[in-house]
């Protein structure tokens, strides 16, 4: 089947266009951990400096990070998450939990502790009823004109 000229309108695709670039989520990980200085980011992520600078600029332009000077001579900056950036942290935590369970079960590189003192195990819940979200409990309702769950409607 040929690729469609106009793929399904999708908020996941929109988000990935911004944070799905190589190193972008790792930048957010480090900034959320409090490592927002450029040299820290280079060391902890391992990204080439030019690519890292491009990612940082894009995340700042998108309103996910803020940039603030911490030294005037020489001029140096640190990056911090905005509210939009902080709202991505649960996505990172859920992705980390998946990686711990499916890719690194015997060798977890980090554990996150909740304020209650216990290890955090993120769970997505329904805001209305509080129940954990399970695939079998979900029903999709496409809102974009001309689209159904299975794809575009006939023209």
Protein backbone atom coordinates (compact mmCIF):
# COMPACT_ATOMS: atom_id res chain seq x y z
CA UNK A 1 0.00 0.00 0.00
CA UNK A 2 1.40 3.42 -0.94
CA UNK A 3 1.98 6.08 1.69
CA UNK A 4 -0.86 8.53 1.86
CA UNK A 5 -0.28 12.15 0.94
CA UNK A 6 -2.24 13.30 3.97
CA UNK A 7 -1.65 11.00 6.96
CA UNK A 8 -4.04 10.79 9.90
CA UNK A 9 -4.16 14.03 11.93
CA UNK A 10 -2.55 13.04 15.20
CA UNK A 11 -1.41 14.76 18.38
CA UNK A 12 1.17 12.00 18.91
CA UNK A 13 2.73 12.80 15.53
CA UNK A 14 2.67 16.52 16.36
CA UNK A 15 4.40 15.92 19.70
CA UNK A 16 6.97 13.60 18.14
CA UNK A 17 7.76 16.21 15.49
CA UNK A 18 8.96 18.35 18.39
CA UNK A 19 10.33 15.99 21.05
CA UNK A 20 10.93 12.88 18.95
CA UNK A 21 14.18 14.11 17.44
CA UNK A 22 17.26 12.26 18.61
CA UNK A 23 18.42 13.59 22.00
CA UNK A 24 15.38 15.83 22.66
CA UNK A 25 13.83 13.62 25.34
CA UNK A 26 17.28 13.04 26.85
CA UNK A 27 17.72 16.82 27.11
CA UNK A 28 14.41 16.98 28.93
CA UNK A 29 15.47 14.10 31.21
CA UNK A 30 18.63 15.92 32.22
CA UNK A 31 16.93 19.28 32.70
CA UNK A 32 14.27 17.65 34.88
CA UNK A 33 17.08 16.07 36.93
CA UNK A 34 18.51 19.57 37.45
CA UNK A 35 21.37 19.30 34.95
CA UNK A 36 20.64 22.27 32.74
CA UNK A 37 24.08 23.60 31.92
CA UNK A 38 25.40 22.97 28.44
CA UNK A 39 28.54 21.11 29.54
CA UNK A 40 26.47 18.88 31.85
CA UNK A 41 24.12 18.12 28.99
CA UNK A 42 26.98 17.27 26.62
CA UNK A 43 28.57 14.96 29.20
CA UNK A 44 25.40 13.22 30.37
CA UNK A 45 23.75 12.79 26.97
CA UNK A 46 26.76 12.24 24.74
CA UNK A 47 25.31 14.34 21.93
CA UNK A 48 27.56 16.28 19.57
CA UNK A 49 27.71 19.91 20.69
CA UNK A 50 26.24 21.33 17.46
CA UNK A 51 23.28 18.94 17.50
CA UNK A 52 22.68 19.57 21.19
CA UNK A 53 22.67 23.34 20.59
CA UNK A 54 20.09 22.87 17.82
CA UNK A 55 17.86 20.73 20.05
CA UNK A 56 18.08 23.23 22.90
CA UNK A 57 17.18 26.12 20.60
CA UNK A 58 14.17 24.20 19.26
CA UNK A 59 12.94 23.23 22.75
CA UNK A 60 13.29 26.85 23.93
CA UNK A 61 11.48 28.15 20.82
CA UNK A 62 8.67 25.65 21.46
CA UNK A 63 8.24 26.81 25.05
CA UNK A 64 9.35 23.51 26.61
CA UNK A 65 12.54 24.94 28.12
CA UNK A 66 13.63 28.37 29.26
CA UNK A 67 17.17 29.68 28.89
CA UNK A 68 18.75 31.94 31.48
CA UNK A 69 22.24 33.35 31.87
CA UNK A 70 24.16 32.19 34.92
CA UNK A 71 27.48 33.82 33.95
CA UNK A 72 28.17 37.06 32.09
CA UNK A 73 31.93 36.59 31.53
CA UNK A 74 32.09 34.29 29.80
CA UNK A 75 28.43 34.32 28.89
CA UNK A 76 26.93 30.95 29.82
CA UNK A 77 23.37 29.71 30.05
CA UNK A 78 21.39 27.06 31.84
CA UNK A 79 18.12 25.52 30.78
CA UNK A 80 15.09 24.79 32.92
CA UNK A 81 11.75 23.18 32.12
CA UNK A 82 8.72 25.40 31.63
CA UNK A 83 5.29 24.24 32.75
CA UNK A 84 4.92 22.54 29.36
CA UNK A 85 8.26 20.80 29.92
CA UNK A 86 7.25 19.65 33.40
CA UNK A 87 4.05 18.23 31.93
CA UNK A 88 6.23 15.93 29.79
CA UNK A 89 7.95 14.49 32.88
CA UNK A 90 5.27 11.81 33.46
CA UNK A 91 5.82 10.69 29.85
CA UNK A 92 9.54 10.30 30.60
CA UNK A 93 8.82 8.42 33.83
CA UNK A 94 6.42 6.05 32.07
CA UNK A 95 8.93 5.49 29.27
CA UNK A 96 11.67 4.82 31.85
CA UNK A 97 9.45 2.33 33.67
CA UNK A 98 8.74 0.50 30.40
CA UNK A 99 12.49 0.38 29.64
CA UNK A 100 13.23 -0.90 33.15
CA UNK A 101 10.69 -3.70 32.79
CA UNK A 102 11.34 -4.73 29.20
CA UNK A 103 14.95 -3.79 28.45
CA UNK A 104 16.87 -3.55 31.72
CA UNK A 105 15.05 -5.74 34.24
CA UNK A 106 18.32 -6.90 35.81
CA UNK A 107 20.27 -3.66 35.47
CA UNK A 108 18.15 -0.56 36.13
CA UNK A 109 20.30 2.57 35.80
CA UNK A 110 18.11 4.77 38.03
CA UNK A 111 15.32 4.51 40.56
CA UNK A 112 12.95 7.41 41.19
CA UNK A 113 11.62 7.77 44.72
CA UNK A 114 8.22 9.35 45.38
CA UNK A 115 7.75 11.78 48.29
CA UNK A 116 6.11 8.93 50.23
CA UNK A 117 9.52 7.26 50.35
CA UNK A 118 8.63 4.42 48.00
CA UNK A 119 9.97 3.69 44.54
CA UNK A 120 7.80 5.36 41.93
CA UNK A 121 5.94 3.01 39.62
CA UNK A 122 3.99 5.29 37.28
CA UNK A 123 0.42 4.32 36.43
CA UNK A 124 -1.81 6.16 33.97
CA UNK A 125 -5.25 6.65 35.47
CA UNK A 126 -8.53 8.09 34.25
CA UNK A 127 -9.03 11.57 35.69
CA UNK A 128 -12.81 11.05 35.91
CA UNK A 129 -12.99 7.70 37.73
CA UNK A 130 -9.43 7.14 38.98
CA UNK A 131 -9.20 3.65 37.48
CA UNK A 132 -5.92 2.54 35.87
CA UNK A 133 -6.01 2.81 32.08
CA UNK A 134 -6.05 -0.57 30.30
CA UNK A 135 -6.10 -1.11 26.56
CA UNK A 136 -9.30 -3.17 26.71
CA UNK A 137 -11.16 -0.31 28.43
CA UNK A 138 -10.49 2.26 25.70
CA UNK A 139 -12.69 3.32 22.77
CA UNK A 140 -11.34 5.74 20.17
CA UNK A 141 -13.55 8.44 18.63
CA UNK A 142 -11.79 10.23 15.73
CA UNK A 143 -12.57 13.94 15.70
CA UNK A 144 -10.93 14.89 12.40
CA UNK A 145 -13.38 15.21 9.51
CA UNK A 146 -12.98 12.44 6.95
CA UNK A 147 -11.33 9.96 9.33
CA UNK A 148 -12.48 6.81 11.07
CA UNK A 149 -10.51 4.56 13.43
CA UNK A 150 -9.49 2.38 10.47
CA UNK A 151 -8.44 5.27 8.23
CA UNK A 152 -9.76 7.92 5.86
CA UNK A 153 -13.32 7.74 4.64
CA UNK A 154 -13.96 7.42 0.92
CA UNK A 155 -13.70 10.70 -0.95
